[in-house]
Amino acid sequence: FFSILKNSNHKFLFIFELDNENAGLPQLLQLENCLVFPKNNTFQNEKWVRELAIFQKEYGQDTNFILTGNAKSAQTFRKIIKHKTSARIYLQGYWLAGKKGL
């Protein structure tokens, strides 16, 4: 996905919620424009997410947010994006604590 975004000159930012032992993965994979946060459920805290710098600017209908990973974290981001922007949102949750088979 990164190569498609980069080769087509799209602006992008990857935001990762990772365990400490995986925090270096974006750099190892040579991904650019990445923010890494510790996996400590802060992404599920709506007030904390709302204060992130990315939500302090305006986004129009030509902006796309692609959310994947922990379903609960992605839903928190989706709720804030819907409230603050008119951007398009694509969401695919891949895991949820205590659930099998998402």
N, C-alpha and C. Protein backbone atom coordinates (compact mmCIF):
# COMPACT_ATOMS: atom_id res chain seq x y z
N PHE A 1 0.83 -1.19 0.00
CA PHE A 1 0.00 0.00 0.00
C PHE A 1 0.87 1.25 0.00
N PHE A 2 1.97 1.20 0.78
CA PHE A 2 2.88 2.33 0.87
C PHE A 2 3.43 2.69 -0.51
N SER A 3 3.86 1.70 -1.26
CA SER A 3 4.45 1.99 -2.57
C SER A 3 3.45 2.64 -3.52
N ILE A 4 2.19 2.25 -3.45
CA ILE A 4 1.15 2.85 -4.31
C ILE A 4 0.97 4.32 -3.94
N LEU A 5 0.88 4.61 -2.66
CA LEU A 5 0.72 5.99 -2.22
C LEU A 5 1.92 6.84 -2.63
N LYS A 6 3.09 6.31 -2.40
CA LYS A 6 4.31 7.07 -2.70
C LYS A 6 4.48 7.29 -4.20
N ASN A 7 4.29 6.25 -5.00
CA ASN A 7 4.48 6.35 -6.45
C ASN A 7 3.45 7.25 -7.12
N SER A 8 2.30 7.42 -6.51
CA SER A 8 1.27 8.28 -7.10
C SER A 8 1.27 9.68 -6.47
N ASN A 9 2.29 9.96 -5.67
CA ASN A 9 2.48 11.28 -5.04
C ASN A 9 1.33 11.72 -4.14
N HIS A 10 0.68 10.76 -3.50
CA HIS A 10 -0.35 11.08 -2.51
C HIS A 10 0.30 11.50 -1.21
N LYS A 11 -0.33 12.41 -0.51
CA LYS A 11 0.10 12.74 0.84
C LYS A 11 -0.48 11.68 1.76
N PHE A 12 0.31 11.24 2.72
CA PHE A 12 -0.15 10.19 3.62
C PHE A 12 0.57 10.28 4.95
N LEU A 13 -0.04 9.65 5.94
CA LEU A 13 0.56 9.53 7.26
C LEU A 13 0.09 8.20 7.83
N PHE A 14 1.02 7.37 8.23
CA PHE A 14 0.69 6.12 8.89
C PHE A 14 0.76 6.34 10.40
N ILE A 15 -0.25 5.89 11.10
CA ILE A 15 -0.26 5.96 12.55
C ILE A 15 -0.39 4.53 13.06
N PHE A 16 0.59 4.11 13.84
CA PHE A 16 0.62 2.74 14.34
C PHE A 16 0.46 2.72 15.84
N GLU A 17 -0.26 1.72 16.31
CA GLU A 17 -0.39 1.40 17.73
C GLU A 17 0.29 0.04 17.89
N LEU A 18 1.51 0.03 18.43
CA LEU A 18 2.31 -1.19 18.45
C LEU A 18 2.82 -1.53 19.84
N ASP A 19 2.98 -2.84 20.08
CA ASP A 19 3.66 -3.30 21.28
C ASP A 19 5.10 -2.80 21.24
N ASN A 20 5.72 -2.65 22.40
CA ASN A 20 7.08 -2.13 22.48
C ASN A 20 8.05 -2.92 21.60
N GLU A 21 7.91 -4.25 21.58
CA GLU A 21 8.84 -5.07 20.80
C GLU A 21 8.67 -4.88 19.29
N ASN A 22 7.55 -4.30 18.87
CA ASN A 22 7.31 -4.07 17.44
C ASN A 22 7.45 -2.60 17.03
N ALA A 23 7.83 -1.74 17.94
CA ALA A 23 7.87 -0.30 17.68
C ALA A 23 8.81 0.07 16.54
N GLY A 24 9.81 -0.72 16.27
CA GLY A 24 10.76 -0.42 15.20
C GLY A 24 10.37 -0.94 13.84
N LEU A 25 9.25 -1.63 13.74
CA LEU A 25 8.83 -2.22 12.45
C LEU A 25 8.68 -1.22 11.31
N PRO A 26 8.03 -0.08 11.51
CA PRO A 26 7.90 0.87 10.39
C PRO A 26 9.26 1.28 9.82
N GLN A 27 10.22 1.51 10.70
CA GLN A 27 11.57 1.88 10.24
C GLN A 27 12.23 0.70 9.55
N LEU A 28 12.08 -0.49 10.10
CA LEU A 28 12.65 -1.69 9.49
C LEU A 28 12.08 -1.92 8.09
N LEU A 29 10.80 -1.62 7.91
CA LEU A 29 10.14 -1.77 6.61
C LEU A 29 10.37 -0.57 5.70
N GLN A 30 11.12 0.41 6.20
CA GLN A 30 11.45 1.64 5.47
C GLN A 30 10.21 2.44 5.06
N LEU A 31 9.23 2.45 5.96
CA LEU A 31 8.04 3.25 5.73
C LEU A 31 8.34 4.70 6.09
N GLU A 32 7.73 5.61 5.39
CA GLU A 32 7.92 7.04 5.65
C GLU A 32 6.64 7.61 6.26
N ASN A 33 6.77 8.77 6.86
CA ASN A 33 5.63 9.50 7.43
C ASN A 33 4.84 8.63 8.40
N CYS A 34 5.52 8.16 9.43
CA CYS A 34 4.91 7.27 10.41
C CYS A 34 4.97 7.87 11.81
N LEU A 35 3.91 7.68 12.54
CA LEU A 35 3.87 7.95 13.96
C LEU A 35 3.61 6.62 14.65
N VAL A 36 4.37 6.32 15.69
CA VAL A 36 4.20 5.08 16.43
C VAL A 36 3.83 5.41 17.87
N PHE A 37 2.75 4.82 18.33
CA PHE A 37 2.29 5.00 19.70
C PHE A 37 2.29 3.64 20.40
N PRO A 38 2.52 3.64 21.71
CA PRO A 38 2.52 2.36 22.44
C PRO A 38 1.12 1.77 22.48
N LYS A 39 1.08 0.47 22.45
CA LYS A 39 -0.20 -0.24 22.51
C LYS A 39 -0.62 -0.34 23.98
N ASN A 40 -1.35 0.69 24.42
CA ASN A 40 -1.79 0.73 25.81
C ASN A 40 -3.24 1.23 25.92
N ASN A 41 -4.00 1.02 24.87
CA ASN A 41 -5.42 1.38 24.79
C ASN A 41 -5.67 2.88 24.68
N THR A 42 -4.64 3.69 24.45
CA THR A 42 -4.87 5.13 24.28
C THR A 42 -5.68 5.40 23.02
N PHE A 43 -5.57 4.54 22.01
CA PHE A 43 -6.34 4.74 20.78
C PHE A 43 -7.83 4.52 21.00
N GLN A 44 -8.19 3.95 22.11
CA GLN A 44 -9.59 3.75 22.43
C GLN A 44 -10.14 4.86 23.31
N ASN A 45 -9.29 5.80 23.67
CA ASN A 45 -9.67 6.95 24.50
C ASN A 45 -10.03 8.10 23.56
N GLU A 46 -11.31 8.33 23.37
CA GLU A 46 -11.78 9.31 22.40
C GLU A 46 -11.21 10.71 22.66
N LYS A 47 -11.16 11.12 23.90
CA LYS A 47 -10.65 12.45 24.22
C LYS A 47 -9.18 12.57 23.82
N TRP A 48 -8.39 11.57 24.11
CA TRP A 48 -6.96 11.58 23.76
C TRP A 48 -6.77 11.62 22.25
N VAL A 49 -7.49 10.78 21.52
CA VAL A 49 -7.38 10.72 20.06
C VAL A 49 -7.80 12.06 19.44
N ARG A 50 -8.86 12.64 19.95
CA ARG A 50 -9.36 13.92 19.42
C ARG A 50 -8.30 15.02 19.50
N GLU A 51 -7.38 14.93 20.45
CA GLU A 51 -6.34 15.94 20.64
C GLU A 51 -5.10 15.72 19.76
N LEU A 52 -5.04 14.62 19.03
CA LEU A 52 -3.89 14.38 18.16
C LEU A 52 -3.77 15.50 17.14
N ALA A 53 -2.54 15.82 16.78
CA ALA A 53 -2.27 16.93 15.85
C ALA A 53 -2.98 16.75 14.51
N ILE A 54 -3.16 15.52 14.06
CA ILE A 54 -3.81 15.33 12.75
C ILE A 54 -5.25 15.81 12.73
N PHE A 55 -5.87 15.90 13.88
CA PHE A 55 -7.26 16.35 13.94
C PHE A 55 -7.38 17.84 14.23
N GLN A 56 -6.26 18.54 14.19
CA GLN A 56 -6.28 19.98 14.44
C GLN A 56 -6.30 20.76 13.12
N LYS A 57 -6.42 20.07 12.01
CA LYS A 57 -6.51 20.76 10.72
C LYS A 57 -7.77 20.31 9.99
N GLU A 58 -8.11 21.03 8.95
CA GLU A 58 -9.32 20.75 8.18
C GLU A 58 -9.02 19.73 7.07
N TYR A 59 -9.97 18.86 6.83
CA TYR A 59 -9.88 17.89 5.74
C TYR A 59 -11.15 17.98 4.91
N GLY A 60 -10.99 17.95 3.62
CA GLY A 60 -12.13 18.03 2.73
C GLY A 60 -12.55 16.68 2.19
N GLN A 61 -13.49 16.70 1.25
CA GLN A 61 -14.01 15.47 0.67
C GLN A 61 -12.98 14.73 -0.17
N ASP A 62 -11.90 15.40 -0.54
CA ASP A 62 -10.86 14.73 -1.33
C ASP A 62 -9.88 13.96 -0.45
N THR A 63 -10.09 13.95 0.86
CA THR A 63 -9.23 13.24 1.79
C THR A 63 -9.81 11.86 2.06
N ASN A 64 -8.93 10.87 2.14
CA ASN A 64 -9.32 9.51 2.46
C ASN A 64 -8.61 9.07 3.73
N PHE A 65 -9.35 8.50 4.65
CA PHE A 65 -8.78 7.89 5.84
C PHE A 65 -8.99 6.39 5.71
N ILE A 66 -7.92 5.64 5.83
CA ILE A 66 -7.99 4.19 5.75
C ILE A 66 -7.59 3.66 7.12
N LEU A 67 -8.52 3.03 7.79
CA LEU A 67 -8.33 2.56 9.16
C LEU A 67 -8.33 1.04 9.19
N THR A 68 -7.28 0.45 9.75
CA THR A 68 -7.22 -1.00 9.89
C THR A 68 -6.63 -1.33 11.26
N GLY A 69 -6.76 -2.57 11.65
CA GLY A 69 -6.15 -3.02 12.91
C GLY A 69 -7.19 -3.35 13.94
N ASN A 70 -6.93 -2.97 15.16
CA ASN A 70 -7.84 -3.24 16.26
C ASN A 70 -9.18 -2.55 15.98
N ALA A 71 -10.24 -3.33 15.97
CA ALA A 71 -11.56 -2.81 15.60
C ALA A 71 -12.02 -1.68 16.52
N LYS A 72 -11.79 -1.82 17.80
CA LYS A 72 -12.24 -0.79 18.74
C LYS A 72 -11.47 0.52 18.54
N SER A 73 -10.16 0.44 18.34
CA SER A 73 -9.36 1.63 18.08
C SER A 73 -9.79 2.30 16.78
N ALA A 74 -9.98 1.49 15.73
CA ALA A 74 -10.39 2.03 14.43
C ALA A 74 -11.75 2.71 14.52
N GLN A 75 -12.66 2.14 15.31
CA GLN A 75 -13.98 2.75 15.47
C GLN A 75 -13.89 4.09 16.19
N THR A 76 -12.98 4.21 17.14
CA THR A 76 -12.78 5.48 17.83
C THR A 76 -12.31 6.54 16.84
N PHE A 77 -11.32 6.20 16.02
CA PHE A 77 -10.83 7.14 15.01
C PHE A 77 -11.94 7.49 14.04
N ARG A 78 -12.71 6.50 13.61
CA ARG A 78 -13.80 6.75 12.65
C ARG A 78 -14.81 7.74 13.21
N LYS A 79 -15.18 7.56 14.46
CA LYS A 79 -16.16 8.46 15.09
C LYS A 79 -15.65 9.90 15.08
N ILE A 80 -14.39 10.10 15.40
CA ILE A 80 -13.82 11.44 15.44
C ILE A 80 -13.72 12.02 14.04
N ILE A 81 -13.27 11.23 13.09
CA ILE A 81 -13.15 11.70 11.71
C ILE A 81 -14.51 12.12 11.17
N LYS A 82 -15.54 11.31 11.41
CA LYS A 82 -16.88 11.65 10.95
C LYS A 82 -17.38 12.94 11.57
N HIS A 83 -17.04 13.16 12.80
CA HIS A 83 -17.49 14.36 13.52
C HIS A 83 -16.76 15.62 13.04
N LYS A 84 -15.48 15.49 12.72
CA LYS A 84 -14.66 16.66 12.44
C LYS A 84 -14.45 16.96 10.95
N THR A 85 -14.76 16.02 10.06
CA THR A 85 -14.43 16.21 8.65
C THR A 85 -15.54 15.73 7.73
N SER A 86 -15.36 16.01 6.45
CA SER A 86 -16.24 15.45 5.43
C SER A 86 -15.47 14.45 4.57
N ALA A 87 -14.36 13.96 5.09
CA ALA A 87 -13.50 13.03 4.37
C ALA A 87 -14.16 11.66 4.23
N ARG A 88 -13.65 10.89 3.28
CA ARG A 88 -14.12 9.51 3.10
C ARG A 88 -13.34 8.61 4.06
N ILE A 89 -14.02 7.61 4.59
CA ILE A 89 -13.42 6.70 5.57
C ILE A 89 -13.61 5.27 5.11
N TYR A 90 -12.52 4.52 5.14
CA TYR A 90 -12.56 3.10 4.85
C TYR A 90 -12.03 2.39 6.10
N LEU A 91 -12.81 1.45 6.63
CA LEU A 91 -12.44 0.80 7.88
C LEU A 91 -12.50 -0.71 7.71
N GLN A 92 -11.43 -1.38 8.15
CA GLN A 92 -11.41 -2.84 8.21
C GLN A 92 -10.75 -3.24 9.51
N GLY A 93 -11.55 -3.67 10.48
CA GLY A 93 -11.01 -4.14 11.73
C GLY A 93 -10.47 -5.55 11.57
N TYR A 94 -9.30 -5.80 12.16
CA TYR A 94 -8.69 -7.13 12.03
C TYR A 94 -8.70 -7.95 13.30
N TRP A 95 -8.84 -7.29 14.44
CA TRP A 95 -8.93 -8.04 15.67
C TRP A 95 -9.66 -7.22 16.71
N LEU A 96 -10.22 -7.94 17.65
CA LEU A 96 -10.94 -7.34 18.77
C LEU A 96 -10.71 -8.23 19.97
N ALA A 97 -10.27 -7.68 21.05
CA ALA A 97 -9.95 -8.47 22.24
C ALA A 97 -11.12 -9.36 22.62
N GLY A 98 -10.84 -10.64 22.81
CA GLY A 98 -11.87 -11.59 23.23
C GLY A 98 -12.73 -12.13 22.11
N LYS A 99 -12.50 -11.71 20.87
CA LYS A 99 -13.32 -12.17 19.75
C LYS A 99 -12.48 -12.98 18.79
N LYS A 100 -13.09 -13.92 18.10
CA LYS A 100 -12.42 -14.71 17.06
C LYS A 100 -13.12 -14.48 15.73
N GLY A 101 -12.35 -14.51 14.68
CA GLY A 101 -12.94 -14.54 13.35
C GLY A 101 -13.49 -13.22 12.83
N LEU A 102 -12.84 -12.08 13.10
CA LEU A 102 -13.29 -10.85 12.48
C LEU A 102 -12.99 -10.97 11.04
